[in-house]
C-alpha atoms as a PDB file:
ATOM      1  CA  MET A   1      15.113 -25.272  81.882  1.00  0.00           C
ATOM      2  CA  LEU A   2      13.280 -26.431  85.026  1.00  0.00           C
ATOM      3  CA  GLU A   3      10.054 -24.885  83.758  1.00  0.00           C
ATOM      4  CA  TYR A   4      10.372 -26.826  80.520  1.00  0.00           C
ATOM      5  CA  VAL A   5      11.109 -30.103  82.298  1.00  0.00           C
ATOM      6  CA  ASN A   6       8.052 -29.523  84.500  1.00  0.00           C
ATOM      7  CA  TYR A   7       5.962 -28.842  81.395  1.00  0.00           C
ATOM      8  CA  ILE A   8       7.076 -32.136  79.814  1.00  0.00           C
ATOM      9  CA  PHE A   9       6.357 -34.136  82.975  1.00  0.00           C
ATOM     10  CA  LYS A  10       2.877 -32.658  83.232  1.00  0.00           C
ATOM     11  CA  ARG A  11       2.005 -33.531  79.636  1.00  0.00           C
ATOM     12  CA  ILE A  12       3.271 -37.109  79.936  1.00  0.00           C
ATOM     13  CA  LEU A  13       1.441 -37.661  83.218  1.00  0.00           C
ATOM     14  CA  ILE A  14      -1.773 -36.299  81.695  1.00  0.00           C
ATOM     15  CA  ILE A  15      -1.448 -38.808  78.820  1.00  0.00           C
ATOM     16  CA  ALA A  16      -0.660 -41.632  81.247  1.00  0.00           C
ATOM     17  CA  GLY A  17      -3.557 -40.595  83.447  1.00  0.00           C
ATOM     18  CA  MET A  18      -5.967 -40.883  80.540  1.00  0.00           C
ATOM     19  CA  LEU A  19      -4.679 -44.277  79.432  1.00  0.00           C
ATOM     20  CA  LEU A  20      -3.902 -46.076  82.688  1.00  0.00           C
ATOM     21  CA  PRO A  21      -7.359 -46.365  84.307  1.00  0.00           C
ATOM     22  CA  GLY A  22      -8.878 -48.205  81.388  1.00  0.00           C
ATOM     23  CA  TYR A  23      -6.177 -50.852  81.430  1.00  0.00           C
ATOM     24  CA  LEU A  24      -5.241 -51.378  85.056  1.00  0.00           C
ATOM     25  CA  SER A  25      -8.322 -53.558  85.522  1.00  0.00           C
ATOM     26  CA  VAL A  26      -7.354 -56.056  82.813  1.00  0.00           C
ATOM     27  CA  PHE A  27      -3.903 -57.276  83.800  1.00  0.00           C
ATOM     28  CA  SER A  28      -2.855 -60.657  82.550  1.00  0.00           C
ATOM     29  CA  GLN A  29      -0.651 -63.688  82.799  1.00  0.00           C
ATOM     30  CA  THR A  30       2.867 -62.886  81.770  1.00  0.00           C
ATOM     31  CA  CYS A  31       5.646 -64.047  79.514  1.00  0.00           C
ATOM     32  CA  CYS A  32       9.190 -62.899  78.928  1.00  0.00           C
ATOM     33  CA  SER A  33       7.987 -60.231  76.441  1.00  0.00           C
ATOM     34  CA  GLY A  34       5.779 -58.445  78.972  1.00  0.00           C
ATOM     35  CA  GLY A  35       8.378 -56.596  81.031  1.00  0.00           C
ATOM     36  CA  VAL A  36       9.808 -53.089  81.141  1.00  0.00           C
ATOM     37  CA  PRO A  37      11.364 -52.069  77.781  1.00  0.00           C
ATOM     38  CA  LEU A  38      14.791 -51.023  79.052  1.00  0.00           C
ATOM     39  CA  SER A  39      17.421 -52.245  76.594  1.00  0.00           C
ATOM     40  CA  GLY A  40      15.302 -51.379  73.550  1.00  0.00           C
ATOM     41  CA  ASN A  41      15.028 -47.719  74.589  1.00  0.00           C
ATOM     42  CA  ILE A  42      18.603 -46.873  75.554  1.00  0.00           C
ATOM     43  CA  GLY A  43      20.760 -44.730  73.234  1.00  0.00           C
ATOM     44  CA  PHE A  44      20.625 -41.278  71.615  1.00  0.00           C
ATOM     45  CA  GLU A  45      21.866 -39.824  68.338  1.00  0.00           C
ATOM     46  CA  GLY A  46      25.354 -38.286  68.492  1.00  0.00           C
ATOM     47  CA  ALA A  47      25.473 -34.604  69.495  1.00  0.00           C
ATOM     48  CA  ASP A  48      27.919 -31.734  70.039  1.00  0.00           C
ATOM     49  CA  ARG A  49      30.162 -31.542  73.080  1.00  0.00           C
ATOM     50  CA  GLY A  50      28.246 -30.236  76.073  1.00  0.00           C
ATOM     51  CA  THR A  51      24.822 -31.226  74.732  1.00  0.00           C
ATOM     52  CA  PHE A  52      22.318 -32.705  77.169  1.00  0.00           C
ATOM     53  CA  GLN A  53      19.539 -34.826  75.628  1.00  0.00           C
ATOM     54  CA  MET A  54      16.394 -35.781  77.516  1.00  0.00           C
ATOM     55  CA  GLU A  55      13.377 -37.904  76.682  1.00  0.00           C
ATOM     56  CA  LEU A  56      10.307 -38.684  78.770  1.00  0.00           C
ATOM     57  CA  SER A  57       8.030 -41.452  77.456  1.00  0.00           C
ATOM     58  CA  TYR A  58       4.981 -43.497  78.332  1.00  0.00           C
ATOM     59  CA  ASP A  59       5.035 -47.084  77.044  1.00  0.00           C
ATOM     60  CA  LEU A  60       2.020 -49.404  76.929  1.00  0.00           C
ATOM     61  CA  ASN A  61       2.471 -53.126  76.228  1.00  0.00           C
ATOM     62  CA  TYR A  62      -0.805 -55.064  75.963  1.00  0.00           C
ATOM     63  CA  LEU A  63      -0.702 -58.874  75.813  1.00  0.00           C
ATOM     64  CA  ALA A  64      -3.795 -60.931  75.056  1.00  0.00           C
ATOM     65  CA  THR A  65      -2.561 -63.407  72.417  1.00  0.00           C
ATOM     66  CA  LEU A  66      -2.014 -66.908  73.786  1.00  0.00           C
ATOM     67  CA  LYS A  67       0.304 -69.064  71.676  1.00  0.00           C
ATOM     68  CA  ASN A  68       1.997 -72.442  71.635  1.00  0.00           C
ATOM     69  CA  GLY A  69       4.947 -72.082  69.290  1.00  0.00           C
ATOM     70  CA  THR A  70       3.400 -70.303  66.299  1.00  0.00           C
ATOM     71  CA  GLU A  71      -0.142 -71.595  66.939  1.00  0.00           C
ATOM     72  CA  ILE A  72      -2.662 -69.095  68.312  1.00  0.00           C
ATOM     73  CA  TYR A  73      -5.172 -70.326  70.898  1.00  0.00           C
ATOM     74  CA  THR A  74      -8.670 -68.813  70.982  1.00  0.00           C
ATOM     75  CA  ASP A  75      -8.456 -68.250  74.725  1.00  0.00           C
ATOM     76  CA  GLU A  76      -9.704 -64.860  75.883  1.00  0.00           C
ATOM     77  CA  SER A  77      -9.447 -65.572  79.609  1.00  0.00           C
ATOM     78  CA  ARG A  78      -5.961 -64.165  80.110  1.00  0.00           C
ATOM     79  CA  ARG A  79      -4.664 -60.611  79.885  1.00  0.00           C
ATOM     80  CA  ARG A  80      -1.496 -58.791  80.808  1.00  0.00           C
ATOM     81  CA  THR A  81      -0.644 -55.106  80.583  1.00  0.00           C
ATOM     82  CA  THR A  82       2.579 -53.264  81.355  1.00  0.00           C
ATOM     83  CA  HIS A  83       2.668 -49.468  81.661  1.00  0.00           C
ATOM     84  CA  SER A  84       6.120 -47.932  81.882  1.00  0.00           C
ATOM     85  CA  LEU A  85       7.190 -44.339  82.473  1.00  0.00           C
ATOM     86  CA  LEU A  86      10.679 -43.966  81.036  1.00  0.00           C
ATOM     87  CA  LEU A  87      13.088 -41.096  81.686  1.00  0.00           C
ATOM     88  CA  LYS A  88      16.180 -41.094  79.491  1.00  0.00           C
ATOM     89  CA  GLY A  89      19.069 -38.645  79.633  1.00  0.00           C
ATOM     90  CA  GLY A  90      22.312 -38.311  77.743  1.00  0.00           C
ATOM     91  CA  TYR A  91      25.351 -36.037  77.907  1.00  0.00           C
ATOM     92  CA  SER A  92      28.008 -35.608  75.205  1.00  0.00           C
ATOM     93  CA  VAL A  93      31.385 -35.353  76.929  1.00  0.00           C
ATOM     94  CA  ASN A  94      33.097 -34.614  73.611  1.00  0.00           C
ATOM     95  CA  ARG A  95      32.577 -35.478  69.966  1.00  0.00           C
ATOM     96  CA  TRP A  96      33.686 -39.087  70.554  1.00  0.00           C
ATOM     97  CA  LEU A  97      32.275 -39.949  73.976  1.00  0.00           C
ATOM     98  CA  ALA A  98      28.807 -39.720  75.518  1.00  0.00           C
ATOM     99  CA  VAL A  99      27.009 -41.172  78.533  1.00  0.00           C
ATOM    100  CA  ASP A 100      23.338 -42.199  78.479  1.00  0.00           C
ATOM    101  CA  ALA A 101      21.083 -43.307  81.327  1.00  0.00           C
ATOM    102  CA  LEU A 102      17.558 -44.725  81.424  1.00  0.00           C
ATOM    103  CA  PHE A 103      15.275 -44.914  84.480  1.00  0.00           C
ATOM    104  CA  SER A 104      11.826 -46.486  84.735  1.00  0.00           C
ATOM    105  CA  TYR A 105       8.686 -46.647  86.829  1.00  0.00           C
ATOM    106  CA  VAL A 106       6.348 -49.533  86.081  1.00  0.00           C
ATOM    107  CA  PHE A 107       2.676 -50.475  86.587  1.00  0.00           C
ATOM    108  CA  GLN A 108       1.897 -54.066  85.631  1.00  0.00           C
ATOM    109  CA  GLY A 109      -0.217 -57.086  86.420  1.00  0.00           C
ATOM    110  CA  ARG A 110      -2.412 -59.870  85.136  1.00  0.00           C
ATOM    111  CA  SER A 111      -5.969 -61.204  85.093  1.00  0.00           C
ATOM    112  CA  ILE A 112      -7.012 -64.822  84.649  1.00  0.00           C
ATOM    113  CA  THR A 113     -10.662 -65.811  84.304  1.00  0.00           C
ATOM    114  CA  TYR A 114     -11.679 -69.369  85.165  1.00  0.00           C
ATOM    115  CA  GLN A 115     -15.257 -70.614  85.556  1.00  0.00           C
ATOM    116  CA  GLU A 116     -16.608 -67.064  85.659  1.00  0.00           C
ATOM    117  CA  GLU A 117     -14.197 -66.064  88.421  1.00  0.00           C
ATOM    118  CA  THR A 118     -11.399 -63.599  87.707  1.00  0.00           C
ATOM    119  CA  ASN A 119      -8.134 -63.444  89.600  1.00  0.00           C
ATOM    120  CA  ARG A 120      -6.362 -60.083  89.321  1.00  0.00           C
ATOM    121  CA  VAL A 121      -2.909 -59.163  90.529  1.00  0.00           C
ATOM    122  CA  SER A 122      -1.260 -55.767  90.025  1.00  0.00           C
ATOM    123  CA  THR A 123       2.056 -54.254  91.062  1.00  0.00           C
ATOM    124  CA  GLN A 124       3.837 -50.963  90.694  1.00  0.00           C
ATOM    125  CA  GLY A 125       7.148 -49.451  91.660  1.00  0.00           C
ATOM    126  CA  LEU A 126      10.490 -48.091  90.605  1.00  0.00           C
ATOM    127  CA  GLY A 127      12.005 -50.279  87.913  1.00  0.00           C
ATOM    128  CA  ASP A 128      15.605 -51.039  87.031  1.00  0.00           C
ATOM    129  CA  ALA A 129      17.938 -48.599  85.270  1.00  0.00           C
ATOM    130  CA  VAL A 130      20.586 -48.706  82.534  1.00  0.00           C
ATOM    131  CA  VAL A 131      23.747 -46.567  82.348  1.00  0.00           C
ATOM    132  CA  MET A 132      25.808 -46.763  79.165  1.00  0.00           C
ATOM    133  CA  ALA A 133      29.047 -45.278  77.862  1.00  0.00           C
ATOM    134  CA  LYS A 134      28.910 -44.641  74.105  1.00  0.00           C
ATOM    135  CA  PHE A 135      31.742 -44.206  71.633  1.00  0.00           C
ATOM    136  CA  VAL A 136      30.689 -42.063  68.659  1.00  0.00           C
ATOM    137  CA  LEU A 137      32.881 -43.098  65.717  1.00  0.00           C
ATOM    138  CA  SER A 138      31.134 -40.814  63.219  1.00  0.00           C
ATOM    139  CA  ARG A 139      28.118 -38.511  63.208  1.00  0.00           C
ATOM    140  CA  ILE A 140      25.461 -38.086  60.590  1.00  0.00           C
ATOM    141  CA  SER A 141      25.542 -34.293  60.965  1.00  0.00           C
ATOM    142  CA  THR A 142      29.165 -34.088  59.822  1.00  0.00           C
ATOM    143  CA  SER A 143      29.713 -37.050  57.489  1.00  0.00           C
ATOM    144  CA  GLY A 144      26.274 -38.307  56.492  1.00  0.00           C
ATOM    145  CA  THR A 145      27.015 -41.563  58.328  1.00  0.00           C
ATOM    146  CA  GLU A 146      26.631 -42.312  62.015  1.00  0.00           C
ATOM    147  CA  VAL A 147      28.345 -45.171  63.820  1.00  0.00           C
ATOM    148  CA  GLN A 148      28.104 -45.683  67.584  1.00  0.00           C
ATOM    149  CA  ILE A 149      28.877 -48.507  69.973  1.00  0.00           C
ATOM    150  CA  GLY A 150      27.976 -48.619  73.647  1.00  0.00           C
ATOM    151  CA  VAL A 151      28.272 -50.784  76.719  1.00  0.00           C
ATOM    152  CA  GLY A 152      27.025 -50.509  80.275  1.00  0.00           C
ATOM    153  CA  PRO A 153      25.260 -52.184  83.187  1.00  0.00           C
ATOM    154  CA  LYS A 154      21.601 -52.675  83.922  1.00  0.00           C
ATOM    155  CA  ILE A 155      21.315 -51.688  87.584  1.00  0.00           C
ATOM    156  CA  PRO A 156      18.772 -53.570  89.784  1.00  0.00           C
ATOM    157  CA  LEU A 157      16.986 -50.645  91.447  1.00  0.00           C
ATOM    158  CA  GLY A 158      13.514 -52.199  91.412  1.00  0.00           C
ATOM    159  CA  ARG A 159      12.033 -54.370  94.133  1.00  0.00           C
ATOM    160  CA  THR A 160      11.744 -58.138  93.705  1.00  0.00           C
ATOM    161  CA  ASP A 161       9.862 -59.036  96.892  1.00  0.00           C
ATOM    162  CA  LEU A 162       6.342 -57.696  96.289  1.00  0.00           C
ATOM    163  CA  SER A 163       3.494 -60.011  97.331  1.00  0.00           C
ATOM    164  CA  ASP A 164      -0.226 -60.427  96.599  1.00  0.00           C
ATOM    165  CA  ASP A 165      -3.110 -59.726  98.994  1.00  0.00           C
ATOM    166  CA  ARG A 166      -2.557 -63.143 100.608  1.00  0.00           C
ATOM    167  CA  GLY A 167       1.064 -62.316 101.432  1.00  0.00           C
ATOM    168  CA  ILE A 168       2.489 -64.712  98.827  1.00  0.00           C
ATOM    169  CA  THR A 169       5.576 -63.351  97.029  1.00  0.00           C
ATOM    170  CA  LEU A 170       4.849 -62.830  93.342  1.00  0.00           C
ATOM    171  CA  ASN A 171       6.786 -64.505  90.559  1.00  0.00           C
ATOM    172  CA  ALA A 172       9.706 -62.718  88.904  1.00  0.00           C
ATOM    173  CA  ASP A 173       7.684 -61.592  85.883  1.00  0.00           C
ATOM    174  CA  LEU A 174       5.381 -59.427  88.044  1.00  0.00           C
ATOM    175  CA  GLN A 175       8.116 -57.708  90.041  1.00  0.00           C
ATOM    176  CA  PRO A 176       9.181 -54.143  89.093  1.00  0.00           C
ATOM    177  CA  GLY A 177      12.846 -55.189  89.173  1.00  0.00           C
ATOM    178  CA  SER A 178      14.872 -58.206  88.108  1.00  0.00           C
ATOM    179  CA  GLY A 179      17.209 -58.406  91.113  1.00  0.00           C
ATOM    180  CA  SER A 180      20.271 -58.937  88.908  1.00  0.00           C
ATOM    181  CA  TRP A 181      23.103 -56.911  87.430  1.00  0.00           C
ATOM    182  CA  ASP A 182      23.081 -57.320  83.651  1.00  0.00           C
ATOM    183  CA  ALA A 183      25.379 -56.242  80.822  1.00  0.00           C
ATOM    184  CA  VAL A 184      23.936 -54.265  77.892  1.00  0.00           C
ATOM    185  CA  MET A 185      25.797 -53.957  74.581  1.00  0.00           C
ATOM    186  CA  TRP A 186      24.547 -51.592  71.896  1.00  0.00           C
ATOM    187  CA  GLY A 187      25.462 -50.658  68.326  1.00  0.00           C
ATOM    188  CA  TYR A 188      23.931 -48.108  65.945  1.00  0.00           C
ATOM    189  CA  TYR A 189      24.470 -47.316  62.261  1.00  0.00           C
ATOM    190  CA  ALA A 190      22.676 -44.699  60.137  1.00  0.00           C
ATOM    191  CA  ARG A 191      23.242 -43.376  56.633  1.00  0.00           C
ATOM    192  CA  GLN A 192      21.763 -40.461  54.695  1.00  0.00           C
ATOM    193  CA  LEU A 193      20.970 -41.111  51.061  1.00  0.00           C
ATOM    194  CA  LYS A 194      23.280 -38.981  48.898  1.00  0.00           C
ATOM    195  CA  LYS A 195      20.584 -38.115  46.364  1.00  0.00           C
ATOM    196  CA  ARG A 196      17.998 -37.483  49.070  1.00  0.00           C
ATOM    197  CA  PRO A 197      19.647 -36.391  52.336  1.00  0.00           C
ATOM    198  CA  THR A 198      16.283 -36.105  54.127  1.00  0.00           C
ATOM    199  CA  THR A 199      16.027 -39.900  53.944  1.00  0.00           C
ATOM    200  CA  VAL A 200      17.956 -41.938  56.518  1.00  0.00           C
ATOM    201  CA  LEU A 201      18.451 -45.702  56.670  1.00  0.00           C
ATOM    202  CA  SER A 202      19.357 -47.140  60.064  1.00  0.00           C
ATOM    203  CA  ALA A 203      20.239 -50.349  61.871  1.00  0.00           C
ATOM    204  CA  ARG A 204      20.548 -50.990  65.580  1.00  0.00           C
ATOM    205  CA  VAL A 205      21.482 -54.064  67.603  1.00  0.00           C
ATOM    206  CA  VAL A 206      21.069 -54.492  71.364  1.00  0.00           C
ATOM    207  CA  GLY A 207      22.318 -57.428  73.395  1.00  0.00           C
ATOM    208  CA  ARG A 208      21.410 -58.043  77.032  1.00  0.00           C
ATOM    209  CA  PHE A 209      23.318 -60.608  79.052  1.00  0.00           C
ATOM    210  CA  ASN A 210      21.498 -61.209  82.310  1.00  0.00           C
ATOM    211  CA  GLY A 211      22.965 -61.972  85.694  1.00  0.00           C
ATOM    212  CA  ILE A 212      21.364 -64.038  88.452  1.00  0.00           C
ATOM    213  CA  ASN A 213      19.013 -62.965  91.231  1.00  0.00           C
ATOM    214  CA  ASN A 214      20.130 -65.160  94.131  1.00  0.00           C
ATOM    215  CA  GLU A 215      17.327 -63.993  96.439  1.00  0.00           C
ATOM    216  CA  TYR A 216      14.382 -65.125  94.324  1.00  0.00           C
ATOM    217  CA  LEU A 217      11.469 -66.098  96.618  1.00  0.00           C
ATOM    218  CA  GLY A 218      13.904 -65.760  99.485  1.00  0.00           C
ATOM    219  CA  THR A 219      16.074 -68.839  98.926  1.00  0.00           C
ATOM    220  CA  GLN A 220      16.128 -69.583  95.204  1.00  0.00           C
ATOM    221  CA  SER A 221      17.935 -68.206  92.144  1.00  0.00           C
ATOM    222  CA  TYR A 222      16.379 -66.788  88.984  1.00  0.00           C
ATOM    223  CA  GLN A 223      17.962 -65.732  85.710  1.00  0.00           C
ATOM    224  CA  PHE A 224      16.063 -64.139  82.855  1.00  0.00           C
ATOM    225  CA  GLY A 225      17.142 -65.438  79.451  1.00  0.00           C
ATOM    226  CA  HIS A 226      19.787 -63.545  77.506  1.00  0.00           C
ATOM    227  CA  SER A 227      18.323 -61.579  74.597  1.00  0.00           C
ATOM    228  CA  VAL A 228      19.273 -59.806  71.388  1.00  0.00           C
ATOM    229  CA  GLN A 229      17.276 -57.295  69.359  1.00  0.00           C
ATOM    230  CA  LEU A 230      17.838 -56.082  65.803  1.00  0.00           C
ATOM    231  CA  TYR A 231      16.164 -52.978  64.345  1.00  0.00           C
ATOM    232  CA  LEU A 232      16.150 -52.083  60.632  1.00  0.00           C
ATOM    233  CA  GLY A 233      14.428 -48.868  59.566  1.00  0.00           C
ATOM    234  CA  MET A 234      14.016 -45.931  57.237  1.00  0.00           C
ATOM    235  CA  GLY A 235      12.923 -42.377  58.085  1.00  0.00           C
ATOM    236  CA  GLU A 236      11.947 -39.446  55.868  1.00  0.00           C
ATOM    237  CA  GLN A 237      11.861 -35.797  56.955  1.00  0.00           C
ATOM    238  CA  LEU A 238       8.976 -33.817  55.448  1.00  0.00           C
ATOM    239  CA  ALA A 239       8.096 -30.115  55.568  1.00  0.00           C
ATOM    240  CA  LEU A 240       4.330 -29.601  55.845  1.00  0.00           C
ATOM    241  CA  ALA A 241       3.386 -25.909  55.892  1.00  0.00           C
ATOM    242  CA  ASN A 242       5.604 -24.572  58.697  1.00  0.00           C
ATOM    243  CA  GLU A 243       5.927 -27.926  60.436  1.00  0.00           C
ATOM    244  CA  ILE A 244       8.582 -30.648  60.175  1.00  0.00           C
ATOM    245  CA  ILE A 245       7.233 -34.207  60.319  1.00  0.00           C
ATOM    246  CA  THR A 246       9.333 -37.379  60.279  1.00  0.00           C
ATOM    247  CA  PRO A 247       7.472 -40.582  59.404  1.00  0.00           C
ATOM    248  CA  SER A 248       9.472 -43.782  59.647  1.00  0.00           C
ATOM    249  CA  LEU A 249       9.079 -47.508  59.257  1.00  0.00           C
ATOM    250  CA  SER A 250      11.142 -50.091  61.134  1.00  0.00           C
ATOM    251  CA  PHE A 251      11.207 -53.798  61.778  1.00  0.00           C
ATOM    252  CA  ARG A 252      12.296 -55.293  65.082  1.00  0.00           C
ATOM    253  CA  TYR A 253      13.528 -58.854  65.579  1.00  0.00           C
ATOM    254  CA  ARG A 254      13.926 -60.112  69.146  1.00  0.00           C
ATOM    255  CA  TYR A 255      15.292 -63.390  70.425  1.00  0.00           C
ATOM    256  CA  ALA A 256      15.153 -64.348  74.102  1.00  0.00           C
ATOM    257  CA  ALA A 257      16.562 -67.510  75.612  1.00  0.00           C
ATOM    258  CA  ALA A 258      14.593 -69.427  78.225  1.00  0.00           C
ATOM    259  CA  ASP A 259      14.695 -68.285  81.848  1.00  0.00           C
ATOM    260  CA  GLU A 260      16.357 -70.439  84.497  1.00  0.00           C
ATOM    261  CA  VAL A 261      15.320 -71.243  88.069  1.00  0.00           C
ATOM    262  CA  ASN A 262      18.002 -72.773  90.303  1.00  0.00           C
ATOM    263  CA  GLY A 263      20.057 -73.491  87.193  1.00  0.00           C
ATOM    264  CA  GLN A 264      17.236 -75.388  85.444  1.00  0.00           C
ATOM    265  CA  LEU A 265      15.482 -74.176  82.299  1.00  0.00           C
ATOM    266  CA  LEU A 266      12.021 -72.799  82.991  1.00  0.00           C
ATOM    267  CA  SER A 267       9.305 -74.030  80.632  1.00  0.00           C
ATOM    268  CA  ASN A 268       7.060 -71.592  78.751  1.00  0.00           C
ATOM    269  CA  THR A 269       9.735 -68.900  78.503  1.00  0.00           C
ATOM    270  CA  GLY A 270      11.871 -67.713  75.594  1.00  0.00           C
ATOM    271  CA  GLY A 271      11.141 -67.347  71.904  1.00  0.00           C
ATOM    272  CA  GLN A 272      11.407 -65.149  68.824  1.00  0.00           C
ATOM    273  CA  TRP A 273       9.360 -62.123  67.786  1.00  0.00           C
ATOM    274  CA  ILE A 274       9.166 -59.871  64.715  1.00  0.00           C
ATOM    275  CA  ASN A 275       7.285 -56.568  64.934  1.00  0.00           C
ATOM    276  CA  VAL A 276       6.651 -53.714  62.511  1.00  0.00           C
ATOM    277  CA  ILE A 277       6.983 -50.152  63.835  1.00  0.00           C
ATOM    278  CA  PRO A 278       5.279 -47.356  61.826  1.00  0.00           C
ATOM    279  CA  ALA A 279       6.284 -44.254  63.795  1.00  0.00           C
ATOM    280  CA  ILE A 280       5.834 -40.522  63.345  1.00  0.00           C
ATOM    281  CA  SER A 281       7.654 -37.586  64.944  1.00  0.00           C
ATOM    282  CA  TRP A 282       6.670 -33.924  65.071  1.00  0.00           C
ATOM    283  CA  HIS A 283       9.383 -31.282  65.523  1.00  0.00           C
ATOM    284  CA  PHE A 284       7.139 -28.832  67.361  1.00  0.00           C
ATOM    285  CA  ARG A 285      10.043 -26.648  68.532  1.00  0.00           C
ATOM    286  CA  GLN A 286      13.578 -26.143  67.318  1.00  0.00           C
ATOM    287  CA  ASN A 287      15.051 -28.568  69.837  1.00  0.00           C
ATOM    288  CA  SER A 288      11.928 -30.553  70.767  1.00  0.00           C
ATOM    289  CA  ILE A 289      10.272 -33.582  69.207  1.00  0.00           C
ATOM    290  CA  LEU A 290       6.992 -35.326  70.021  1.00  0.00           C
ATOM    291  CA  HIS A 291       6.965 -38.930  68.874  1.00  0.00           C
ATOM    292  CA  VAL A 292       4.286 -41.616  68.610  1.00  0.00           C
ATOM    293  CA  ILE A 293       5.600 -45.140  68.072  1.00  0.00           C
ATOM    294  CA  PRO A 294       3.075 -47.972  67.683  1.00  0.00           C
ATOM    295  CA  GLU A 295       4.462 -51.503  67.461  1.00  0.00           C
ATOM    296  CA  ILE A 296       2.490 -54.242  65.722  1.00  0.00           C
ATOM    297  CA  PRO A 297       3.404 -57.957  66.025  1.00  0.00           C
ATOM    298  CA  VAL A 298       3.665 -59.785  62.699  1.00  0.00           C
ATOM    299  CA  TYR A 299       5.326 -63.051  63.770  1.00  0.00           C
ATOM    300  CA  SER A 300       6.241 -64.895  66.949  1.00  0.00           C
ATOM    301  CA  ASN A 301       7.429 -68.378  67.804  1.00  0.00           C
ATOM    302  CA  VAL A 302       7.455 -68.980  71.547  1.00  0.00           C
ATOM    303  CA  GLU A 303       8.695 -71.850  73.664  1.00  0.00           C
ATOM    304  CA  GLY A 304       5.744 -73.706  75.161  1.00  0.00           C
ATOM    305  CA  ILE A 305       2.525 -71.832  75.944  1.00  0.00           C
ATOM    306  CA  GLN A 306       2.850 -68.086  76.469  1.00  0.00           C
ATOM    307  CA  LEU A 307       0.986 -64.828  76.210  1.00  0.00           C
ATOM    308  CA  THR A 308       2.609 -62.646  73.559  1.00  0.00           C
ATOM    309  CA  PRO A 309       2.150 -58.940  72.769  1.00  0.00           C
ATOM    310  CA  THR A 310      -1.023 -57.987  70.937  1.00  0.00           C
ATOM    311  CA  PHE A 311      -0.208 -54.299  70.643  1.00  0.00           C
ATOM    312  CA  ARG A 312       2.335 -51.802  71.899  1.00  0.00           C
ATOM    313  CA  ILE A 313       2.603 -48.023  71.722  1.00  0.00           C
ATOM    314  CA  GLN A 314       4.998 -45.422  73.064  1.00  0.00           C
ATOM    315  CA  ILE A 315       4.378 -41.667  73.320  1.00  0.00           C
ATOM    316  CA  GLY A 316       7.181 -39.355  74.319  1.00  0.00           C
ATOM    317  CA  ILE A 317       8.806 -35.942  74.227  1.00  0.00           C
ATOM    318  CA  TYR A 318      12.474 -35.387  73.368  1.00  0.00           C
ATOM    319  CA  HIS A 319      14.458 -32.206  74.008  1.00  0.00           C
ATOM    320  CA  THR A 320      18.076 -31.023  73.823  1.00  0.00           C
ATOM    321  CA  PHE A 321      19.852 -28.407  75.936  1.00  0.00           C
ATOM    322  CA  GLY A 322      23.184 -26.676  75.391  1.00  0.00           C
ATOM    323  CA  GLY A 323      25.745 -27.591  72.758  1.00  0.00           C
ATOM    324  CA  LYS A 324      26.475 -25.712  69.541  1.00  0.00           C
ATOM    325  CA  GLU A 325      23.679 -24.884  67.128  1.00  0.00           C
ATOM    326  CA  GLU A 326      24.081 -26.593  63.778  1.00  0.00           C
ATOM    327  CA  ASN A 327      22.098 -26.678  60.577  1.00  0.00           C
ATOM    328  CA  ARG A 328      21.758 -30.417  60.409  1.00  0.00           C
ATOM    329  CA  LEU A 329      19.193 -33.064  59.725  1.00  0.00           C
ATOM    330  CA  LYS A 330      17.470 -33.878  63.025  1.00  0.00           C
ATOM    331  CA  THR A 331      16.212 -37.398  62.582  1.00  0.00           C
ATOM    332  CA  TYR A 332      14.602 -39.226  65.467  1.00  0.00           C
ATOM    333  CA  GLU A 333      16.271 -42.543  66.191  1.00  0.00           C
ATOM    334  CA  LEU A 334      13.783 -45.381  66.680  1.00  0.00           C
END
């Protein structure tokens, strides 16, 4: 088991090593959609009692689209990039109860060019974590329908006091952590088509209710806006030669309320986003899946002037240990 975990870490770090250098020099001004993707990545498919599920992923979020509401500005002077290494684990206590956890390490920053001078700021460090208890009401492997609900805290493990080269503490959006305890609520539904059981329709909703960091810049308070995300998707399992491939297509809607500083709404934060997610998964071993998940923005309406995502991609490896072997459809949950 340890050899396999080491193998996975090496492959992910090789991928991150190839992608990071080219982007770390073009960090950008931030917005509320530029942070670590915690709540959108929590949650596994239901599994047998005693099954341990693990996933290690690299997530790149590149922001270079400046908007005011729905209007796009032709301003190429600002960039922001967030690189996240995500480690997710889950354990099925029994057929009805499971516990999932998600940990992160983040590299992020910004660049702003003004009158041929470029200001760059970059940070890195351990990010926050999420731990969630899940109640599995039904599983797709036994009934053709899966229903899960989950709830848990977002734990503020990341630092919030990093400063730039002048010793000035950076704003909240460039810190690895949020400094607050948050509540995450999660629900998942999936259904196999009766006439084509290799096709699965799914829906997922994630709500994040953020607490307050009362040590922002030493003496102030900061609260990120509450958010909700809705995913709707369809996946199809295909057999190509001796390989199993699962292409899927999903749509993600995200709403985020405005942030607050000292109880007052912060301008240029909050908005709505709709993205399309054409993903593909390769079942390269019996219990292992390699997935590539690009995310393409199709609509956004932001409050005030903000940078919004231009492109996002996640590459990861999923593996299961233990549990009872079953002949079941192994779909990858987006």
